[in-house]
Amino acid sequence: MNKNYRNPIIYITENGITEPKDNKRALDAALKDPHRIENNLRHLYWAMKNGVN
């Protein structure tokens, strides 16, 4: 990216994770989602460790 596009600004706008659909789970329970939070943190950590600023 740096070589071909002269270090462009990149915005991460979506980072998904698969999980089974659960229509019985209430919204407040769905918002408490440590699995998804940990997944996003791991992706960001990996990107920054590999030079993404």
C-alpha atoms as a PDB file:
ATOM      1  CA  MET A   1       0.000   0.000   0.000  1.00  0.00           C
ATOM      2  CA  ASN A   2       2.728   2.463   0.957  1.00  0.00           C
ATOM      3  CA  LYS A   3       4.749   1.811  -2.192  1.00  0.00           C
ATOM      4  CA  ASN A   4       1.873   1.843  -4.680  1.00  0.00           C
ATOM      5  CA  TYR A   5      -0.394   4.492  -3.108  1.00  0.00           C
ATOM      6  CA  ARG A   6       2.026   6.682  -1.107  1.00  0.00           C
ATOM      7  CA  ASN A   7       0.901   5.799   2.417  1.00  0.00           C
ATOM      8  CA  PRO A   8      -2.866   6.430   2.163  1.00  0.00           C
ATOM      9  CA  ILE A   9      -5.087   6.925   5.186  1.00  0.00           C
ATOM     10  CA  ILE A  10      -7.103   3.744   5.736  1.00  0.00           C
ATOM     11  CA  TYR A  11     -10.267   3.696   7.809  1.00  0.00           C
ATOM     12  CA  ILE A  12     -11.529   0.402   9.224  1.00  0.00           C
ATOM     13  CA  THR A  13     -15.279   0.766   8.927  1.00  0.00           C
ATOM     14  CA  GLU A  14     -16.371  -2.796   9.576  1.00  0.00           C
ATOM     15  CA  ASN A  15     -14.860  -5.857  11.126  1.00  0.00           C
ATOM     16  CA  GLY A  16     -17.247  -8.774  11.459  1.00  0.00           C
ATOM     17  CA  ILE A  17     -17.347 -11.955  13.458  1.00  0.00           C
ATOM     18  CA  THR A  18     -19.609 -14.918  12.839  1.00  0.00           C
ATOM     19  CA  GLU A  19     -21.919 -16.248  15.491  1.00  0.00           C
ATOM     20  CA  PRO A  20     -25.227 -18.086  15.536  1.00  0.00           C
ATOM     21  CA  LYS A  21     -28.393 -16.027  15.432  1.00  0.00           C
ATOM     22  CA  ASP A  22     -30.242 -15.899  18.755  1.00  0.00           C
ATOM     23  CA  ASN A  23     -33.600 -14.121  18.612  1.00  0.00           C
ATOM     24  CA  LYS A  24     -34.220 -14.887  22.286  1.00  0.00           C
ATOM     25  CA  ARG A  25     -31.291 -12.799  23.545  1.00  0.00           C
ATOM     26  CA  ALA A  26     -32.362  -9.362  24.768  1.00  0.00           C
ATOM     27  CA  LEU A  27     -30.658  -6.223  23.458  1.00  0.00           C
ATOM     28  CA  ASP A  28     -28.989  -5.390  26.781  1.00  0.00           C
ATOM     29  CA  ALA A  29     -27.488  -8.900  26.892  1.00  0.00           C
ATOM     30  CA  ALA A  30     -26.383  -8.670  23.250  1.00  0.00           C
ATOM     31  CA  LEU A  31     -24.570  -5.389  23.917  1.00  0.00           C
ATOM     32  CA  LYS A  32     -22.489  -7.058  26.633  1.00  0.00           C
ATOM     33  CA  ASP A  33     -20.314  -8.862  24.146  1.00  0.00           C
ATOM     34  CA  PRO A  34     -16.793  -9.559  25.452  1.00  0.00           C
ATOM     35  CA  HIS A  35     -16.127 -12.100  22.678  1.00  0.00           C
ATOM     36  CA  ARG A  36     -16.648  -9.511  19.923  1.00  0.00           C
ATOM     37  CA  ILE A  37     -14.731  -6.816  21.840  1.00  0.00           C
ATOM     38  CA  GLU A  38     -11.759  -9.156  22.330  1.00  0.00           C
ATOM     39  CA  ASN A  39     -11.835 -10.097  18.638  1.00  0.00           C
ATOM     40  CA  ASN A  40     -11.711  -6.439  17.567  1.00  0.00           C
ATOM     41  CA  LEU A  41      -8.903  -5.672  20.013  1.00  0.00           C
ATOM     42  CA  ARG A  42      -6.856  -8.593  18.662  1.00  0.00           C
ATOM     43  CA  HIS A  43      -7.309  -7.375  15.072  1.00  0.00           C
ATOM     44  CA  LEU A  44      -6.271  -3.823  15.967  1.00  0.00           C
ATOM     45  CA  TYR A  45      -3.308  -5.023  18.025  1.00  0.00           C
ATOM     46  CA  TRP A  46      -2.087  -7.198  15.142  1.00  0.00           C
ATOM     47  CA  ALA A  47      -2.456  -4.335  12.654  1.00  0.00           C
ATOM     48  CA  MET A  48      -0.556  -1.858  14.852  1.00  0.00           C
ATOM     49  CA  LYS A  49       2.141  -4.442  15.657  1.00  0.00           C
ATOM     50  CA  ASN A  50       2.657  -4.830  11.911  1.00  0.00           C
ATOM     51  CA  GLY A  51       3.092  -1.131  11.175  1.00  0.00           C
ATOM     52  CA  VAL A  52      -0.428   0.235  10.724  1.00  0.00           C
ATOM     53  CA  ASN A  53      -0.548   3.552  12.493  1.00  0.00           C
END
